[in-house]
C-alpha cells in the first residue's frame, strides 16, 4: 500500500501544493521563453553580421535571399519556432549538425535546390 501513500496525506491536494505546482510550471515556461529569446538574439546578431559582410552579400543570390526572407516571415516558420519552444528539446548554440528529422525540416523550410 506504499504506492497510495500520497492519497492519505491531507496536504497532498492542498491549495498550497496546487499553487506551488502552478508556480513551478510558470517558472519553467518563463525559463524556456528566456532561453528561446536568447537564442533568437544570438541568431539575429549572426544574421546582422552576415548582412553587413560584403563577402556574403555578394555571394548570396537574390533569389535565395528572397526565399530566406519569405521563409522567416511565413506563418509556418513562426509556428515551427513556437512548437520547438513548447517541446522539451534542449537547443544549444552553436547548433549541432542537422541529422534525420532536423535535416528534413530544414529542407522543407528552405528548399535551396528549388529552381
PDB file of N, CA and C in Angstrom:
ATOM      1  N   UNK A   1       0.805  -1.202   0.000  1.00  0.00           N
ATOM      2  CA  UNK A   1       0.000   0.000   0.000  1.00  0.00           C
ATOM      3  C   UNK A   1       0.852   1.272   0.000  1.00  0.00           C
ATOM      4  N   UNK A   2       2.150   1.136  -0.111  1.00  0.00           N
ATOM      5  CA  UNK A   2       3.007   2.317  -0.146  1.00  0.00           C
ATOM      6  C   UNK A   2       2.731   3.182  -1.358  1.00  0.00           C
ATOM      7  N   UNK A   3       2.329   2.570  -2.447  1.00  0.00           N
ATOM      8  CA  UNK A   3       2.110   3.331  -3.671  1.00  0.00           C
ATOM      9  C   UNK A   3       0.975   4.338  -3.529  1.00  0.00           C
ATOM     10  N   UNK A   4       0.100   4.151  -2.598  1.00  0.00           N
ATOM     11  CA  UNK A   4      -1.040   5.047  -2.411  1.00  0.00           C
ATOM     12  C   UNK A   4      -0.847   5.979  -1.224  1.00  0.00           C
ATOM     13  N   UNK A   5       0.349   6.057  -0.703  1.00  0.00           N
ATOM     14  CA  UNK A   5       0.622   6.855   0.487  1.00  0.00           C
ATOM     15  C   UNK A   5       0.219   8.319   0.304  1.00  0.00           C
ATOM     16  N   UNK A   6       0.468   8.864  -0.872  1.00  0.00           N
ATOM     17  CA  UNK A   6       0.168  10.274  -1.085  1.00  0.00           C
ATOM     18  C   UNK A   6      -1.325  10.574  -0.986  1.00  0.00           C
ATOM     19  N   UNK A   7      -2.185   9.613  -1.211  1.00  0.00           N
ATOM     20  CA  UNK A   7      -3.623   9.844  -1.116  1.00  0.00           C
ATOM     21  C   UNK A   7      -4.082   9.990   0.332  1.00  0.00           C
ATOM     22  N   UNK A   8      -3.313   9.443   1.247  1.00  0.00           N
ATOM     23  CA  UNK A   8      -3.676   9.535   2.651  1.00  0.00           C
ATOM     24  C   UNK A   8      -3.097  10.778   3.307  1.00  0.00           C
ATOM     25  N   UNK A   9      -2.246  11.463   2.592  1.00  0.00           N
ATOM     26  CA  UNK A   9      -1.632  12.670   3.113  1.00  0.00           C
ATOM     27  C   UNK A   9      -2.594  13.836   2.880  1.00  0.00           C
ATOM     28  N   UNK A  10      -3.113  14.474   3.927  1.00  0.00           N
ATOM     29  CA  UNK A  10      -4.089  15.560   3.750  1.00  0.00           C
ATOM     30  C   UNK A  10      -3.505  16.784   3.051  1.00  0.00           C
ATOM     31  N   UNK A  11      -2.183  16.933   3.063  1.00  0.00           N
ATOM     32  CA  UNK A  11      -1.561  18.090   2.416  1.00  0.00           C
ATOM     33  C   UNK A  11      -1.366  17.895   0.921  1.00  0.00           C
ATOM     34  N   UNK A  12      -1.553  16.671   0.428  1.00  0.00           N
ATOM     35  CA  UNK A  12      -1.251  16.368  -0.973  1.00  0.00           C
ATOM     36  C   UNK A  12      -2.089  17.205  -1.936  1.00  0.00           C
ATOM     37  N   UNK A  13      -3.380  17.316  -1.681  1.00  0.00           N
ATOM     38  CA  UNK A  13      -4.268  18.059  -2.571  1.00  0.00           C
ATOM     39  C   UNK A  13      -4.565  19.463  -2.057  1.00  0.00           C
ATOM     40  N   UNK A  14      -3.736  19.951  -1.185  1.00  0.00           N
ATOM     41  CA  UNK A  14      -3.976  21.269  -0.599  1.00  0.00           C
ATOM     42  C   UNK A  14      -3.790  22.364  -1.647  1.00  0.00           C
ATOM     43  N   UNK A  15      -4.441  23.492  -1.452  1.00  0.00           N
ATOM     44  CA  UNK A  15      -4.275  24.620  -2.377  1.00  0.00           C
ATOM     45  C   UNK A  15      -2.827  25.088  -2.474  1.00  0.00           C
ATOM     46  N   UNK A  16      -2.080  24.957  -1.368  1.00  0.00           N
ATOM     47  CA  UNK A  16      -0.675  25.377  -1.388  1.00  0.00           C
ATOM     48  C   UNK A  16       0.131  24.530  -2.364  1.00  0.00           C
ATOM     49  N   UNK A  17      -0.111  23.212  -2.357  1.00  0.00           N
ATOM     50  CA  UNK A  17       0.601  22.332  -3.289  1.00  0.00           C
ATOM     51  C   UNK A  17       0.217  22.643  -4.726  1.00  0.00           C
ATOM     52  N   UNK A  18      -1.061  22.914  -4.941  1.00  0.00           N
ATOM     53  CA  UNK A  18      -1.514  23.256  -6.292  1.00  0.00           C
ATOM     54  C   UNK A  18      -0.863  24.557  -6.754  1.00  0.00           C
ATOM     55  N   UNK A  19      -0.822  25.551  -5.865  1.00  0.00           N
ATOM     56  CA  UNK A  19      -0.198  26.832  -6.201  1.00  0.00           C
ATOM     57  C   UNK A  19       1.297  26.670  -6.448  1.00  0.00           C
ATOM     58  N   UNK A  20       1.950  25.848  -5.646  1.00  0.00           N
ATOM     59  CA  UNK A  20       3.380  25.596  -5.828  1.00  0.00           C
ATOM     60  C   UNK A  20       3.638  24.950  -7.177  1.00  0.00           C
ATOM     61  N   UNK A  21       2.819  23.966  -7.522  1.00  0.00           N
ATOM     62  CA  UNK A  21       2.966  23.301  -8.819  1.00  0.00           C
ATOM     63  C   UNK A  21       2.754  24.300  -9.953  1.00  0.00           C
ATOM     64  N   UNK A  22       1.727  25.135  -9.816  1.00  0.00           N
ATOM     65  CA  UNK A  22       1.425  26.128 -10.842  1.00  0.00           C
ATOM     66  C   UNK A  22       2.579  27.122 -10.990  1.00  0.00           C
ATOM     67  N   UNK A  23       3.136  27.565  -9.874  1.00  0.00           N
ATOM     68  CA  UNK A  23       4.262  28.497  -9.915  1.00  0.00           C
ATOM     69  C   UNK A  23       5.498  27.863 -10.544  1.00  0.00           C
ATOM     70  N   UNK A  24       5.749  26.595 -10.219  1.00  0.00           N
ATOM     71  CA  UNK A  24       6.890  25.896 -10.820  1.00  0.00           C
ATOM     72  C   UNK A  24       6.709  25.782 -12.323  1.00  0.00           C
ATOM     73  N   UNK A  25       5.490  25.496 -12.759  1.00  0.00           N
ATOM     74  CA  UNK A  25       5.207  25.377 -14.190  1.00  0.00           C
ATOM     75  C   UNK A  25       5.400  26.724 -14.885  1.00  0.00           C
ATOM     76  N   UNK A  26       4.928  27.809 -14.264  1.00  0.00           N
ATOM     77  CA  UNK A  26       5.112  29.145 -14.824  1.00  0.00           C
ATOM     78  C   UNK A  26       6.593  29.509 -14.898  1.00  0.00           C
ATOM     79  N   UNK A  27       7.344  29.155 -13.859  1.00  0.00           N
ATOM     80  CA  UNK A  27       8.779  29.427 -13.841  1.00  0.00           C
ATOM     81  C   UNK A  27       9.476  28.665 -14.961  1.00  0.00           C
ATOM     82  N   UNK A  28       9.090  27.420 -15.148  1.00  0.00           N
ATOM     83  CA  UNK A  28       9.662  26.603 -16.215  1.00  0.00           C
ATOM     84  C   UNK A  28       9.354  27.211 -17.582  1.00  0.00           C
ATOM     85  N   UNK A  29       8.133  27.690 -17.765  1.00  0.00           N
ATOM     86  CA  UNK A  29       7.745  28.325 -19.024  1.00  0.00           C
ATOM     87  C   UNK A  29       8.543  29.599 -19.253  1.00  0.00           C
ATOM     88  N   UNK A  30       8.694  30.415 -18.219  1.00  0.00           N
ATOM     89  CA  UNK A  30       9.473  31.647 -18.347  1.00  0.00           C
ATOM     90  C   UNK A  30      10.930  31.363 -18.693  1.00  0.00           C
ATOM     91  N   UNK A  31      11.513  30.359 -18.042  1.00  0.00           N
ATOM     92  CA  UNK A  31      12.900  29.994 -18.348  1.00  0.00           C
ATOM     93  C   UNK A  31      13.025  29.568 -19.802  1.00  0.00           C
ATOM     94  N   UNK A  32      12.060  28.808 -20.278  1.00  0.00           N
ATOM     95  CA  UNK A  32      12.078  28.343 -21.659  1.00  0.00           C
ATOM     96  C   UNK A  32      11.961  29.520 -22.626  1.00  0.00           C
ATOM     97  N   UNK A  33      11.075  30.459 -22.319  1.00  0.00           N
ATOM     98  CA  UNK A  33      10.906  31.636 -23.168  1.00  0.00           C
ATOM     99  C   UNK A  33      12.163  32.499 -23.173  1.00  0.00           C
ATOM    100  N   UNK A  34      12.791  32.650 -22.029  1.00  0.00           N
ATOM    101  CA  UNK A  34      14.032  33.432 -21.946  1.00  0.00           C
ATOM    102  C   UNK A  34      15.135  32.757 -22.750  1.00  0.00           C
ATOM    103  N   UNK A  35      15.202  31.444 -22.654  1.00  0.00           N
ATOM    104  CA  UNK A  35      16.201  30.696 -23.414  1.00  0.00           C
ATOM    105  C   UNK A  35      15.981  30.884 -24.910  1.00  0.00           C
ATOM    106  N   UNK A  36      14.729  30.775 -25.352  1.00  0.00           N
ATOM    107  CA  UNK A  36      14.427  30.967 -26.769  1.00  0.00           C
ATOM    108  C   UNK A  36      14.757  32.389 -27.197  1.00  0.00           C
ATOM    109  N   UNK A  37      14.430  33.362 -26.358  1.00  0.00           N
ATOM    110  CA  UNK A  37      14.728  34.758 -26.675  1.00  0.00           C
ATOM    111  C   UNK A  37      16.231  34.958 -26.838  1.00  0.00           C
ATOM    112  N   UNK A  38      17.023  34.375 -25.947  1.00  0.00           N
ATOM    113  CA  UNK A  38      18.482  34.494 -26.039  1.00  0.00           C
ATOM    114  C   UNK A  38      19.007  33.872 -27.323  1.00  0.00           C
ATOM    115  N   UNK A  39      18.470  32.714 -27.682  1.00  0.00           N
ATOM    116  CA  UNK A  39      18.896  32.052 -28.922  1.00  0.00           C
ATOM    117  C   UNK A  39      18.534  32.905 -30.124  1.00  0.00           C
ATOM    118  N   UNK A  40      17.322  33.456 -30.130  1.00  0.00           N
ATOM    119  CA  UNK A  40      16.902  34.304 -31.248  1.00  0.00           C
ATOM    120  C   UNK A  40      17.747  35.571 -31.327  1.00  0.00           C
ATOM    121  N   UNK A  41      18.123  36.137 -30.185  1.00  0.00           N
ATOM    122  CA  UNK A  41      19.001  37.311 -30.183  1.00  0.00           C
ATOM    123  C   UNK A  41      20.373  36.969 -30.759  1.00  0.00           C
ATOM    124  N   UNK A  42      20.899  35.802 -30.403  1.00  0.00           N
ATOM    125  CA  UNK A  42      22.184  35.367 -30.953  1.00  0.00           C
ATOM    126  C   UNK A  42      22.074  35.174 -32.463  1.00  0.00           C
ATOM    127  N   UNK A  43      20.975  34.571 -32.904  1.00  0.00           N
ATOM    128  CA  UNK A  43      20.776  34.367 -34.340  1.00  0.00           C
ATOM    129  C   UNK A  43      20.658  35.697 -35.070  1.00  0.00           C
ATOM    130  N   UNK A  44      19.959  36.649 -34.456  1.00  0.00           N
ATOM    131  CA  UNK A  44      19.816  37.965 -35.066  1.00  0.00           C
ATOM    132  C   UNK A  44      21.177  38.635 -35.227  1.00  0.00           C
ATOM    133  N   UNK A  45      22.033  38.514 -34.216  1.00  0.00           N
ATOM    134  CA  UNK A  45      23.382  39.080 -34.310  1.00  0.00           C
ATOM    135  C   UNK A  45      24.164  38.431 -35.452  1.00  0.00           C
ATOM    136  N   UNK A  46      24.032  37.107 -35.573  1.00  0.00           N
ATOM    137  CA  UNK A  46      24.720  36.399 -36.663  1.00  0.00           C
ATOM    138  C   UNK A  46      24.208  36.896 -38.007  1.00  0.00           C
ATOM    139  N   UNK A  47      22.874  37.002 -38.152  1.00  0.00           N
ATOM    140  CA  UNK A  47      22.302  37.476 -39.415  1.00  0.00           C
ATOM    141  C   UNK A  47      22.722  38.911 -39.709  1.00  0.00           C
ATOM    142  N   UNK A  48      22.760  39.753 -38.685  1.00  0.00           N
ATOM    143  CA  UNK A  48      23.198  41.136 -38.896  1.00  0.00           C
ATOM    144  C   UNK A  48      24.647  41.183 -39.348  1.00  0.00           C
ATOM    145  N   UNK A  49      25.502  40.395 -38.718  1.00  0.00           N
ATOM    146  CA  UNK A  49      26.910  40.352 -39.124  1.00  0.00           C
ATOM    147  C   UNK A  49      27.048  39.855 -40.558  1.00  0.00           C
ATOM    148  N   UNK A  50      26.267  38.840 -40.900  1.00  0.00           N
ATOM    149  CA  UNK A  50      26.313  38.317 -42.267  1.00  0.00           C
ATOM    150  C   UNK A  50      25.817  39.352 -43.271  1.00  0.00           C
ATOM    151  N   UNK A  51      24.755  40.053 -42.912  1.00  0.00           N
ATOM    152  CA  UNK A  51      24.192  41.026 -43.852  1.00  0.00           C
ATOM    153  C   UNK A  51      25.127  42.207 -44.072  1.00  0.00           C
ATOM    154  N   UNK A  52      25.972  42.512 -43.088  1.00  0.00           N
ATOM    155  CA  UNK A  52      26.909  43.625 -43.214  1.00  0.00           C
ATOM    156  C   UNK A  52      28.215  43.218 -43.891  1.00  0.00           C
ATOM    157  N   UNK A  53      28.423  41.939 -44.056  1.00  0.00           N
ATOM    158  CA  UNK A  53      29.660  41.462 -44.659  1.00  0.00           C
ATOM    159  C   UNK A  53      29.550  41.490 -46.181  1.00  0.00           C
ATOM    160  N   UNK A  54      30.427  42.243 -46.851  1.00  0.00           N
ATOM    161  CA  UNK A  54      30.362  42.312 -48.315  1.00  0.00           C
ATOM    162  C   UNK A  54      30.622  40.958 -48.978  1.00  0.00           C
ATOM    163  N   UNK A  55      31.410  40.119 -48.350  1.00  0.00           N
ATOM    164  CA  UNK A  55      31.702  38.804 -48.919  1.00  0.00           C
ATOM    165  C   UNK A  55      30.433  37.984 -49.053  1.00  0.00           C
ATOM    166  N   UNK A  56      29.672  37.911 -47.981  1.00  0.00           N
ATOM    167  CA  UNK A  56      28.450  37.113 -48.014  1.00  0.00           C
ATOM    168  C   UNK A  56      27.356  37.787 -48.833  1.00  0.00           C
ATOM    169  N   UNK A  57      27.324  39.103 -48.812  1.00  0.00           N
ATOM    170  CA  UNK A  57      26.309  39.825 -49.551  1.00  0.00           C
ATOM    171  C   UNK A  57      26.442  39.556 -51.043  1.00  0.00           C
ATOM    172  N   UNK A  58      27.661  39.549 -51.553  1.00  0.00           N
ATOM    173  CA  UNK A  58      27.880  39.310 -52.979  1.00  0.00           C
ATOM    174  C   UNK A  58      27.712  37.845 -53.349  1.00  0.00           C
ATOM    175  N   UNK A  59      27.946  36.940 -52.401  1.00  0.00           N
ATOM    176  CA  UNK A  59      27.840  35.514 -52.687  1.00  0.00           C
ATOM    177  C   UNK A  59      26.412  34.986 -52.626  1.00  0.00           C
ATOM    178  N   UNK A  60      25.517  35.693 -52.007  1.00  0.00           N
ATOM    179  CA  UNK A  60      24.145  35.214 -51.838  1.00  0.00           C
ATOM    180  C   UNK A  60      23.301  35.658 -53.032  1.00  0.00           C
ATOM    181  N   UNK A  61      22.813  34.700 -53.818  1.00  0.00           N
ATOM    182  CA  UNK A  61      21.955  35.064 -54.956  1.00  0.00           C
ATOM    183  C   UNK A  61      20.671  35.737 -54.466  1.00  0.00           C
ATOM    184  N   UNK A  62      20.181  36.686 -55.244  1.00  0.00           N
ATOM    185  CA  UNK A  62      18.984  37.421 -54.853  1.00  0.00           C
ATOM    186  C   UNK A  62      17.791  36.495 -54.648  1.00  0.00           C
ATOM    187  N   UNK A  63      17.692  35.457 -55.473  1.00  0.00           N
ATOM    188  CA  UNK A  63      16.582  34.507 -55.355  1.00  0.00           C
ATOM    189  C   UNK A  63      16.626  33.787 -54.003  1.00  0.00           C
ATOM    190  N   UNK A  64      17.820  33.359 -53.602  1.00  0.00           N
ATOM    191  CA  UNK A  64      17.971  32.681 -52.316  1.00  0.00           C
ATOM    192  C   UNK A  64      17.653  33.639 -51.168  1.00  0.00           C
ATOM    193  N   UNK A  65      18.139  34.853 -51.272  1.00  0.00           N
ATOM    194  CA  UNK A  65      17.872  35.855 -50.242  1.00  0.00           C
ATOM    195  C   UNK A  65      16.364  36.088 -50.103  1.00  0.00           C
ATOM    196  N   UNK A  66      15.679  36.221 -51.228  1.00  0.00           N
ATOM    197  CA  UNK A  66      14.227  36.443 -51.203  1.00  0.00           C
ATOM    198  C   UNK A  66      13.502  35.261 -50.568  1.00  0.00           C
ATOM    199  N   UNK A  67      13.948  34.029 -50.879  1.00  0.00           N
ATOM    200  CA  UNK A  67      13.318  32.842 -50.285  1.00  0.00           C
ATOM    201  C   UNK A  67      13.583  32.761 -48.784  1.00  0.00           C
ATOM    202  N   UNK A  68      14.788  33.137 -48.362  1.00  0.00           N
ATOM    203  CA  UNK A  68      15.092  33.144 -46.927  1.00  0.00           C
ATOM    204  C   UNK A  68      14.198  34.132 -46.180  1.00  0.00           C
ATOM    205  N   UNK A  69      14.050  35.313 -46.735  1.00  0.00           N
ATOM    206  CA  UNK A  69      13.205  36.330 -46.104  1.00  0.00           C
ATOM    207  C   UNK A  69      11.755  35.867 -46.063  1.00  0.00           C
ATOM    208  N   UNK A  70      11.246  35.331 -47.171  1.00  0.00           N
ATOM    209  CA  UNK A  70       9.843  34.889 -47.180  1.00  0.00           C
ATOM    210  C   UNK A  70       9.628  33.722 -46.223  1.00  0.00           C
ATOM    211  N   UNK A  71      10.626  32.860 -46.081  1.00  0.00           N
ATOM    212  CA  UNK A  71      10.512  31.743 -45.140  1.00  0.00           C
ATOM    213  C   UNK A  71      10.442  32.251 -43.713  1.00  0.00           C
ATOM    214  N   UNK A  72      11.315  33.188 -43.365  1.00  0.00           N
ATOM    215  CA  UNK A  72      11.335  33.712 -41.996  1.00  0.00           C
ATOM    216  C   UNK A  72      10.068  34.494 -41.674  1.00  0.00           C
ATOM    217  N   UNK A  73       9.441  35.078 -42.683  1.00  0.00           N
ATOM    218  CA  UNK A  73       8.225  35.850 -42.450  1.00  0.00           C
ATOM    219  C   UNK A  73       6.965  34.994 -42.523  1.00  0.00           C
ATOM    220  N   UNK A  74       7.104  33.738 -42.932  1.00  0.00           N
ATOM    221  CA  UNK A  74       5.928  32.879 -43.087  1.00  0.00           C
ATOM    222  C   UNK A  74       5.358  32.464 -41.740  1.00  0.00           C
ATOM    223  N   UNK A  75       4.054  32.210 -41.732  1.00  0.00           N
ATOM    224  CA  UNK A  75       3.376  31.787 -40.510  1.00  0.00           C
ATOM    225  C   UNK A  75       3.888  30.413 -40.070  1.00  0.00           C
ATOM    226  N   UNK A  76       4.192  29.528 -41.030  1.00  0.00           N
ATOM    227  CA  UNK A  76       4.665  28.184 -40.690  1.00  0.00           C
ATOM    228  C   UNK A  76       5.982  28.249 -39.924  1.00  0.00           C
ATOM    229  N   UNK A  77       6.867  29.138 -40.338  1.00  0.00           N
ATOM    230  CA  UNK A  77       8.161  29.279 -39.676  1.00  0.00           C
ATOM    231  C   UNK A  77       7.964  29.693 -38.216  1.00  0.00           C
ATOM    232  N   UNK A  78       7.082  30.663 -37.991  1.00  0.00           N
ATOM    233  CA  UNK A  78       6.817  31.113 -36.625  1.00  0.00           C
ATOM    234  C   UNK A  78       6.152  30.016 -35.807  1.00  0.00           C
ATOM    235  N   UNK A  79       5.230  29.272 -36.424  1.00  0.00           N
ATOM    236  CA  UNK A  79       4.588  28.156 -35.723  1.00  0.00           C
ATOM    237  C   UNK A  79       5.610  27.091 -35.359  1.00  0.00           C
ATOM    238  N   UNK A  80       6.549  26.837 -36.265  1.00  0.00           N
ATOM    239  CA  UNK A  80       7.589  25.837 -36.005  1.00  0.00           C
ATOM    240  C   UNK A  80       8.470  26.280 -34.833  1.00  0.00           C
ATOM    241  N   UNK A  81       8.817  27.565 -34.802  1.00  0.00           N
ATOM    242  CA  UNK A  81       9.606  28.090 -33.677  1.00  0.00           C
ATOM    243  C   UNK A  81       8.846  27.938 -32.366  1.00  0.00           C
ATOM    244  N   UNK A  82       7.552  28.247 -32.398  1.00  0.00           N
ATOM    245  CA  UNK A  82       6.740  28.110 -31.190  1.00  0.00           C
ATOM    246  C   UNK A  82       6.633  26.656 -30.756  1.00  0.00           C
ATOM    247  N   UNK A  83       6.514  25.741 -31.730  1.00  0.00           N
ATOM    248  CA  UNK A  83       6.421  24.325 -31.364  1.00  0.00           C
ATOM    249  C   UNK A  83       7.737  23.834 -30.771  1.00  0.00           C
ATOM    250  N   UNK A  84       8.850  24.325 -31.298  1.00  0.00           N
ATOM    251  CA  UNK A  84      10.146  23.963 -30.720  1.00  0.00           C
ATOM    252  C   UNK A  84      10.276  24.528 -29.312  1.00  0.00           C
ATOM    253  N   UNK A  85       9.762  25.721 -29.118  1.00  0.00           N
ATOM    254  CA  UNK A  85       9.788  26.315 -27.787  1.00  0.00           C
ATOM    255  C   UNK A  85       8.912  25.517 -26.828  1.00  0.00           C
ATOM    256  N   UNK A  86       7.778  25.025 -27.314  1.00  0.00           N
ATOM    257  CA  UNK A  86       6.870  24.257 -26.480  1.00  0.00           C
ATOM    258  C   UNK A  86       7.363  22.865 -26.165  1.00  0.00           C
ATOM    259  N   UNK A  87       8.201  22.328 -27.015  1.00  0.00           N
ATOM    260  CA  UNK A  87       8.709  20.982 -26.761  1.00  0.00           C
ATOM    261  C   UNK A  87       9.818  21.046 -25.723  1.00  0.00           C
ATOM    262  N   UNK A  88      10.168  19.915 -25.203  1.00  0.00           N
ATOM    263  CA  UNK A  88      11.200  19.862 -24.162  1.00  0.00           C
ATOM    264  C   UNK A  88      12.585  19.620 -24.746  1.00  0.00           C
ATOM    265  N   UNK A  89      12.801  20.032 -25.982  1.00  0.00           N
ATOM    266  CA  UNK A  89      14.112  19.825 -26.586  1.00  0.00           C
ATOM    267  C   UNK A  89      15.086  20.858 -26.051  1.00  0.00           C
ATOM    268  N   UNK A  90      16.313  20.434 -25.886  1.00  0.00           N
ATOM    269  CA  UNK A  90      17.363  21.346 -25.429  1.00  0.00           C
ATOM    270  C   UNK A  90      18.086  21.843 -26.668  1.00  0.00           C
ATOM    271  N   UNK A  91      17.977  23.130 -26.923  1.00  0.00           N
ATOM    272  CA  UNK A  91      18.604  23.731 -28.089  1.00  0.00           C
ATOM    273  C   UNK A  91      19.852  24.456 -27.615  1.00  0.00           C
ATOM    274  N   UNK A  92      20.977  24.132 -28.207  1.00  0.00           N
ATOM    275  CA  UNK A  92      22.237  24.743 -27.807  1.00  0.00           C
ATOM    276  C   UNK A  92      22.776  25.595 -28.946  1.00  0.00           C
ATOM    277  N   UNK A  93      23.565  26.566 -28.609  1.00  0.00           N
ATOM    278  CA  UNK A  93      24.203  27.424 -29.594  1.00  0.00           C
ATOM    279  C   UNK A  93      25.702  27.339 -29.397  1.00  0.00           C
ATOM    280  N   UNK A  94      26.525  27.141 -30.369  1.00  0.00           N
ATOM    281  CA  UNK A  94      26.147  26.958 -31.774  1.00  0.00           C
ATOM    282  C   UNK A  94      25.475  25.610 -31.986  1.00  0.00           C
ATOM    283  N   UNK A  95      24.702  25.554 -33.026  1.00  0.00           N
ATOM    284  CA  UNK A  95      23.890  24.376 -33.258  1.00  0.00           C
ATOM    285  C   UNK A  95      24.722  23.194 -33.724  1.00  0.00           C
ATOM    286  N   UNK A  96      24.267  22.011 -33.341  1.00  0.00           N
ATOM    287  CA  UNK A  96      24.921  20.796 -33.814  1.00  0.00           C
ATOM    288  C   UNK A  96      24.498  20.539 -35.258  1.00  0.00           C
ATOM    289  N   UNK A  97      25.199  19.665 -35.929  1.00  0.00           N
ATOM    290  CA  UNK A  97      24.908  19.349 -37.320  1.00  0.00           C
ATOM    291  C   UNK A  97      23.526  18.707 -37.424  1.00  0.00           C
ATOM    292  N   UNK A  98      22.744  19.160 -38.411  1.00  0.00           N
ATOM    293  CA  UNK A  98      21.389  18.635 -38.597  1.00  0.00           C
ATOM    294  C   UNK A  98      21.441  17.210 -39.142  1.00  0.00           C
ATOM    295  N   UNK A  99      20.644  16.336 -38.531  1.00  0.00           N
ATOM    296  CA  UNK A  99      20.521  14.955 -38.990  1.00  0.00           C
ATOM    297  C   UNK A  99      19.060  14.542 -38.895  1.00  0.00           C
ATOM    298  N   UNK A 100      18.682  13.509 -39.627  1.00  0.00           N
ATOM    299  CA  UNK A 100      17.350  12.923 -39.520  1.00  0.00           C
ATOM    300  C   UNK A 100      16.231  13.912 -39.763  1.00  0.00           C
ATOM    301  N   UNK A 101      15.299  13.984 -38.812  1.00  0.00           N
ATOM    302  CA  UNK A 101      14.129  14.850 -38.944  1.00  0.00           C
ATOM    303  C   UNK A 101      14.515  16.319 -39.040  1.00  0.00           C
ATOM    304  N   UNK A 102      15.571  16.722 -38.328  1.00  0.00           N
ATOM    305  CA  UNK A 102      16.007  18.116 -38.398  1.00  0.00           C
ATOM    306  C   UNK A 102      16.436  18.478 -39.815  1.00  0.00           C
ATOM    307  N   UNK A 103      17.152  17.568 -40.452  1.00  0.00           N
ATOM    308  CA  UNK A 103      17.616  17.811 -41.811  1.00  0.00           C
ATOM    309  C   UNK A 103      16.424  17.891 -42.761  1.00  0.00           C
ATOM    310  N   UNK A 104      15.446  17.003 -42.562  1.00  0.00           N
ATOM    311  CA  UNK A 104      14.248  17.001 -43.400  1.00  0.00           C
ATOM    312  C   UNK A 104      13.467  18.303 -43.210  1.00  0.00           C
ATOM    313  N   UNK A 105      13.340  18.759 -41.964  1.00  0.00           N
ATOM    314  CA  UNK A 105      12.625  20.006 -41.678  1.00  0.00           C
ATOM    315  C   UNK A 105      13.325  21.189 -42.334  1.00  0.00           C
ATOM    316  N   UNK A 106      14.635  21.196 -42.300  1.00  0.00           N
ATOM    317  CA  UNK A 106      15.388  22.288 -42.916  1.00  0.00           C
ATOM    318  C   UNK A 106      15.157  22.323 -44.417  1.00  0.00           C
ATOM    319  N   UNK A 107      15.086  21.153 -45.041  1.00  0.00           N
ATOM    320  CA  UNK A 107      14.835  21.107 -46.482  1.00  0.00           C
ATOM    321  C   UNK A 107      13.447  21.627 -46.806  1.00  0.00           C
ATOM    322  N   UNK A 108      12.491  21.367 -45.922  1.00  0.00           N
ATOM    323  CA  UNK A 108      11.135  21.862 -46.147  1.00  0.00           C
ATOM    324  C   UNK A 108      11.080  23.368 -45.938  1.00  0.00           C
ATOM    325  N   UNK A 109      11.697  23.846 -44.852  1.00  0.00           N
ATOM    326  CA  UNK A 109      11.655  25.271 -44.544  1.00  0.00           C
ATOM    327  C   UNK A 109      12.369  26.112 -45.600  1.00  0.00           C
ATOM    328  N   UNK A 110      13.533  25.667 -46.013  1.00  0.00           N
ATOM    329  CA  UNK A 110      14.314  26.410 -47.002  1.00  0.00           C
ATOM    330  C   UNK A 110      14.777  25.421 -48.061  1.00  0.00           C
ATOM    331  N   UNK A 111      14.068  25.378 -49.158  1.00  0.00           N
ATOM    332  CA  UNK A 111      14.412  24.445 -50.221  1.00  0.00           C
ATOM    333  C   UNK A 111      15.443  25.111 -51.122  1.00  0.00           C
ATOM    334  N   UNK A 112      16.707  24.911 -50.809  1.00  0.00           N
ATOM    335  CA  UNK A 112      17.802  25.557 -51.531  1.00  0.00           C
ATOM    336  C   UNK A 112      17.909  25.038 -52.958  1.00  0.00           C
ATOM    337  N   UNK A 113      17.517  23.803 -53.192  1.00  0.00           N
ATOM    338  CA  UNK A 113      17.645  23.198 -54.515  1.00  0.00           C
ATOM    339  C   UNK A 113      16.511  23.567 -55.455  1.00  0.00           C
ATOM    340  N   UNK A 114      15.583  24.382 -55.010  1.00  0.00           N
ATOM    341  CA  UNK A 114      14.440  24.754 -55.840  1.00  0.00           C
ATOM    342  C   UNK A 114      14.908  25.592 -57.017  1.00  0.00           C
ATOM    343  N   UNK A 115      14.382  25.317 -58.201  1.00  0.00           N
ATOM    344  CA  UNK A 115      14.763  26.083 -59.408  1.00  0.00           C
ATOM    345  C   UNK A 115      13.868  27.270 -59.606  1.00  0.00           C
TER     346      UNK A 115
END
